Amino acid sequence: MAAKWVDNGEYFGPDRRRRPSRRLLDRRRQDLAGAPPPLGALLRRLRVRITGQSAEDHKHALDMFSAAMGQANRLGWRKCAEALQAADRAFRNGGRNAAAIADAKVCEAMDHANNGQ
């Protein structure tokens, strides 16, 4: 897992660059990479995105799901990662209660994260 993370309006997750680039035509003007957020903070932000109504909120939530699952797996918290996978499936499948089901599963993941599971 990358040591630095990017969090902006277009992407949320590990920095995918292999090394700092000094190429002549590099499109990135600023280095937006920073330290990864704690899993608890990431899950709280994810809950806010799940309940958002816009397409951007939906896209950002999907990025955050994959980032949170990666963090939980990296920490070895299997139950937390399983709850996040179930939330991700529910959110991706859509439906009337998709956001409510996903939110409940994220709350379950938060409980497991607080217990270090």
C-alpha atoms as a PDB file:
ATOM      1  CA  MET A   1       0.000   0.000   0.000  1.00  0.00           C
ATOM      2  CA  ALA A   2       1.259   3.447  -0.843  1.00  0.00           C
ATOM      3  CA  ALA A   3       2.648   5.589   1.947  1.00  0.00           C
ATOM      4  CA  LYS A   4       0.984   8.745   0.575  1.00  0.00           C
ATOM      5  CA  TRP A   5      -2.633   9.384  -0.351  1.00  0.00           C
ATOM      6  CA  VAL A   6      -4.349  11.821  -2.661  1.00  0.00           C
ATOM      7  CA  ASP A   7      -7.610  13.479  -1.637  1.00  0.00           C
ATOM      8  CA  ASN A   8      -9.116  15.929  -4.086  1.00  0.00           C
ATOM      9  CA  GLY A   9     -12.345  16.325  -6.029  1.00  0.00           C
ATOM     10  CA  GLU A  10     -11.291  13.939  -8.780  1.00  0.00           C
ATOM     11  CA  TYR A  11      -9.598  11.086  -6.889  1.00  0.00           C
ATOM     12  CA  PHE A  12      -9.418   9.677  -3.385  1.00  0.00           C
ATOM     13  CA  GLY A  13      -6.989   6.898  -2.555  1.00  0.00           C
ATOM     14  CA  PRO A  14      -3.353   5.845  -2.549  1.00  0.00           C
ATOM     15  CA  ASP A  15      -0.912   7.856  -4.612  1.00  0.00           C
ATOM     16  CA  ARG A  16      -0.404   5.775  -7.754  1.00  0.00           C
ATOM     17  CA  ARG A  17       2.780   7.471  -8.849  1.00  0.00           C
ATOM     18  CA  ARG A  18       5.839   5.277  -8.496  1.00  0.00           C
ATOM     19  CA  ARG A  19       8.251   8.088  -7.685  1.00  0.00           C
ATOM     20  CA  PRO A  20       8.266  11.873  -7.801  1.00  0.00           C
ATOM     21  CA  SER A  21       8.356  12.962 -11.398  1.00  0.00           C
ATOM     22  CA  ARG A  22      10.442  15.764 -12.821  1.00  0.00           C
ATOM     23  CA  ARG A  23       9.356  15.287 -16.414  1.00  0.00           C
ATOM     24  CA  LEU A  24       9.182  18.267 -18.681  1.00  0.00           C
ATOM     25  CA  LEU A  25       5.475  17.967 -19.519  1.00  0.00           C
ATOM     26  CA  ASP A  26       4.166  16.648 -16.194  1.00  0.00           C
ATOM     27  CA  ARG A  27       0.495  17.627 -15.843  1.00  0.00           C
ATOM     28  CA  ARG A  28       0.578  17.782 -12.062  1.00  0.00           C
ATOM     29  CA  ARG A  29       1.423  21.248 -10.889  1.00  0.00           C
ATOM     30  CA  GLN A  30       1.069  20.533  -7.181  1.00  0.00           C
ATOM     31  CA  ASP A  31       1.906  17.510  -5.089  1.00  0.00           C
ATOM     32  CA  LEU A  32      -1.455  16.677  -3.508  1.00  0.00           C
ATOM     33  CA  ALA A  33      -0.228  13.508  -1.821  1.00  0.00           C
ATOM     34  CA  GLY A  34      -0.225  13.276   1.947  1.00  0.00           C
ATOM     35  CA  ALA A  35      -0.359  10.773   4.782  1.00  0.00           C
ATOM     36  CA  PRO A  36      -3.221   8.236   4.698  1.00  0.00           C
ATOM     37  CA  PRO A  37      -6.154   9.150   6.948  1.00  0.00           C
ATOM     38  CA  PRO A  38      -6.928   7.018  10.002  1.00  0.00           C
ATOM     39  CA  LEU A  39      -9.530   4.355   9.236  1.00  0.00           C
ATOM     40  CA  GLY A  40     -12.066   5.817  11.670  1.00  0.00           C
ATOM     41  CA  ALA A  41     -11.927   9.218   9.978  1.00  0.00           C
ATOM     42  CA  LEU A  42     -12.178   7.573   6.574  1.00  0.00           C
ATOM     43  CA  LEU A  43     -15.307   5.652   7.623  1.00  0.00           C
ATOM     44  CA  ARG A  44     -16.964   8.792   9.017  1.00  0.00           C
ATOM     45  CA  ARG A  45     -16.339  10.634   5.743  1.00  0.00           C
ATOM     46  CA  LEU A  46     -17.629   7.605   3.838  1.00  0.00           C
ATOM     47  CA  ARG A  47     -20.936   7.744   5.709  1.00  0.00           C
ATOM     48  CA  VAL A  48     -21.387  11.357   4.630  1.00  0.00           C
ATOM     49  CA  ARG A  49     -20.713  10.453   0.979  1.00  0.00           C
ATOM     50  CA  ILE A  50     -23.089   7.484   1.049  1.00  0.00           C
ATOM     51  CA  THR A  51     -26.015   9.697   1.963  1.00  0.00           C
ATOM     52  CA  GLY A  52     -25.147  12.300  -0.691  1.00  0.00           C
ATOM     53  CA  GLN A  53     -27.564  12.702  -3.581  1.00  0.00           C
ATOM     54  CA  SER A  54     -25.266  13.773  -6.415  1.00  0.00           C
ATOM     55  CA  ALA A  55     -23.462  11.571  -8.924  1.00  0.00           C
ATOM     56  CA  GLU A  56     -20.168  12.998  -7.670  1.00  0.00           C
ATOM     57  CA  ASP A  57     -20.985  11.839  -4.125  1.00  0.00           C
ATOM     58  CA  HIS A  58     -21.753   8.378  -5.484  1.00  0.00           C
ATOM     59  CA  LYS A  59     -18.472   8.194  -7.427  1.00  0.00           C
ATOM     60  CA  HIS A  60     -16.457   9.510  -4.496  1.00  0.00           C
ATOM     61  CA  ALA A  61     -18.114   6.987  -2.160  1.00  0.00           C
ATOM     62  CA  LEU A  62     -17.083   4.119  -4.443  1.00  0.00           C
ATOM     63  CA  ASP A  63     -13.465   5.327  -4.356  1.00  0.00           C
ATOM     64  CA  MET A  64     -13.652   5.615  -0.594  1.00  0.00           C
ATOM     65  CA  PHE A  65     -15.039   2.084  -0.256  1.00  0.00           C
ATOM     66  CA  SER A  66     -12.033   0.611  -2.028  1.00  0.00           C
ATOM     67  CA  ALA A  67      -9.647   2.772   0.019  1.00  0.00           C
ATOM     68  CA  ALA A  68     -11.298   1.786   3.305  1.00  0.00           C
ATOM     69  CA  MET A  69     -11.248  -1.917   2.417  1.00  0.00           C
ATOM     70  CA  GLY A  70      -7.557  -1.625   1.579  1.00  0.00           C
ATOM     71  CA  GLN A  71      -6.822   0.095   4.886  1.00  0.00           C
ATOM     72  CA  ALA A  72      -8.753  -2.518   6.871  1.00  0.00           C
ATOM     73  CA  ASN A  73      -6.955  -5.354   5.080  1.00  0.00           C
ATOM     74  CA  ARG A  74      -3.590  -3.676   5.618  1.00  0.00           C
ATOM     75  CA  LEU A  75      -4.318  -3.402   9.339  1.00  0.00           C
ATOM     76  CA  GLY A  76      -5.443  -7.050   9.462  1.00  0.00           C
ATOM     77  CA  TRP A  77      -8.978  -6.200  10.607  1.00  0.00           C
ATOM     78  CA  ARG A  78     -10.824  -9.012   8.839  1.00  0.00           C
ATOM     79  CA  LYS A  79     -14.310  -8.410  10.287  1.00  0.00           C
ATOM     80  CA  CYS A  80     -14.133  -4.715   9.456  1.00  0.00           C
ATOM     81  CA  ALA A  81     -13.070  -5.508   5.877  1.00  0.00           C
ATOM     82  CA  GLU A  82     -15.900  -8.050   5.504  1.00  0.00           C
ATOM     83  CA  ALA A  83     -18.481  -5.507   6.677  1.00  0.00           C
ATOM     84  CA  LEU A  84     -17.077  -2.962   4.223  1.00  0.00           C
ATOM     85  CA  GLN A  85     -17.267  -5.484   1.375  1.00  0.00           C
ATOM     86  CA  ALA A  86     -20.925  -6.119   2.195  1.00  0.00           C
ATOM     87  CA  ALA A  87     -21.572  -2.363   2.285  1.00  0.00           C
ATOM     88  CA  ASP A  88     -19.812  -1.919  -1.053  1.00  0.00           C
ATOM     89  CA  ARG A  89     -21.901  -4.673  -2.665  1.00  0.00           C
ATOM     90  CA  ALA A  90     -25.125  -3.179  -1.331  1.00  0.00           C
ATOM     91  CA  PHE A  91     -24.179   0.301  -2.512  1.00  0.00           C
ATOM     92  CA  ARG A  92     -23.126  -0.885  -5.984  1.00  0.00           C
ATOM     93  CA  ASN A  93     -26.282  -2.980  -6.469  1.00  0.00           C
ATOM     94  CA  GLY A  94     -28.436   0.065  -5.875  1.00  0.00           C
ATOM     95  CA  GLY A  95     -32.113  -0.181  -5.139  1.00  0.00           C
ATOM     96  CA  ARG A  96     -34.461   1.659  -2.850  1.00  0.00           C
ATOM     97  CA  ASN A  97     -32.651   1.042   0.411  1.00  0.00           C
ATOM     98  CA  ALA A  98     -29.084   0.721  -0.899  1.00  0.00           C
ATOM     99  CA  ALA A  99     -27.765   3.766   0.942  1.00  0.00           C
ATOM    100  CA  ALA A 100     -29.433   2.744   4.220  1.00  0.00           C
ATOM    101  CA  ILE A 101     -28.089  -0.813   4.011  1.00  0.00           C
ATOM    102  CA  ALA A 102     -24.611   0.420   3.108  1.00  0.00           C
ATOM    103  CA  ASP A 103     -24.708   2.929   5.970  1.00  0.00           C
ATOM    104  CA  ALA A 104     -25.687   0.201   8.441  1.00  0.00           C
ATOM    105  CA  LYS A 105     -22.807  -1.984   7.234  1.00  0.00           C
ATOM    106  CA  VAL A 106     -20.362   0.924   7.512  1.00  0.00           C
ATOM    107  CA  CYS A 107     -21.556   1.466  11.099  1.00  0.00           C
ATOM    108  CA  GLU A 108     -20.883  -2.230  11.721  1.00  0.00           C
ATOM    109  CA  ALA A 109     -17.395  -1.788  10.215  1.00  0.00           C
ATOM    110  CA  MET A 110     -16.830   1.196  12.522  1.00  0.00           C
ATOM    111  CA  ASP A 111     -17.695  -0.970  15.539  1.00  0.00           C
ATOM    112  CA  HIS A 112     -15.219  -3.621  14.389  1.00  0.00           C
ATOM    113  CA  ALA A 113     -12.566  -0.955  13.764  1.00  0.00           C
ATOM    114  CA  ASN A 114     -13.033   0.442  17.270  1.00  0.00           C
ATOM    115  CA  ASN A 115     -12.451  -3.060  18.633  1.00  0.00           C
ATOM    116  CA  GLY A 116      -9.465  -3.665  16.350  1.00  0.00           C
ATOM    117  CA  GLN A 117     -11.129  -6.538  14.488  1.00  0.00           C
END
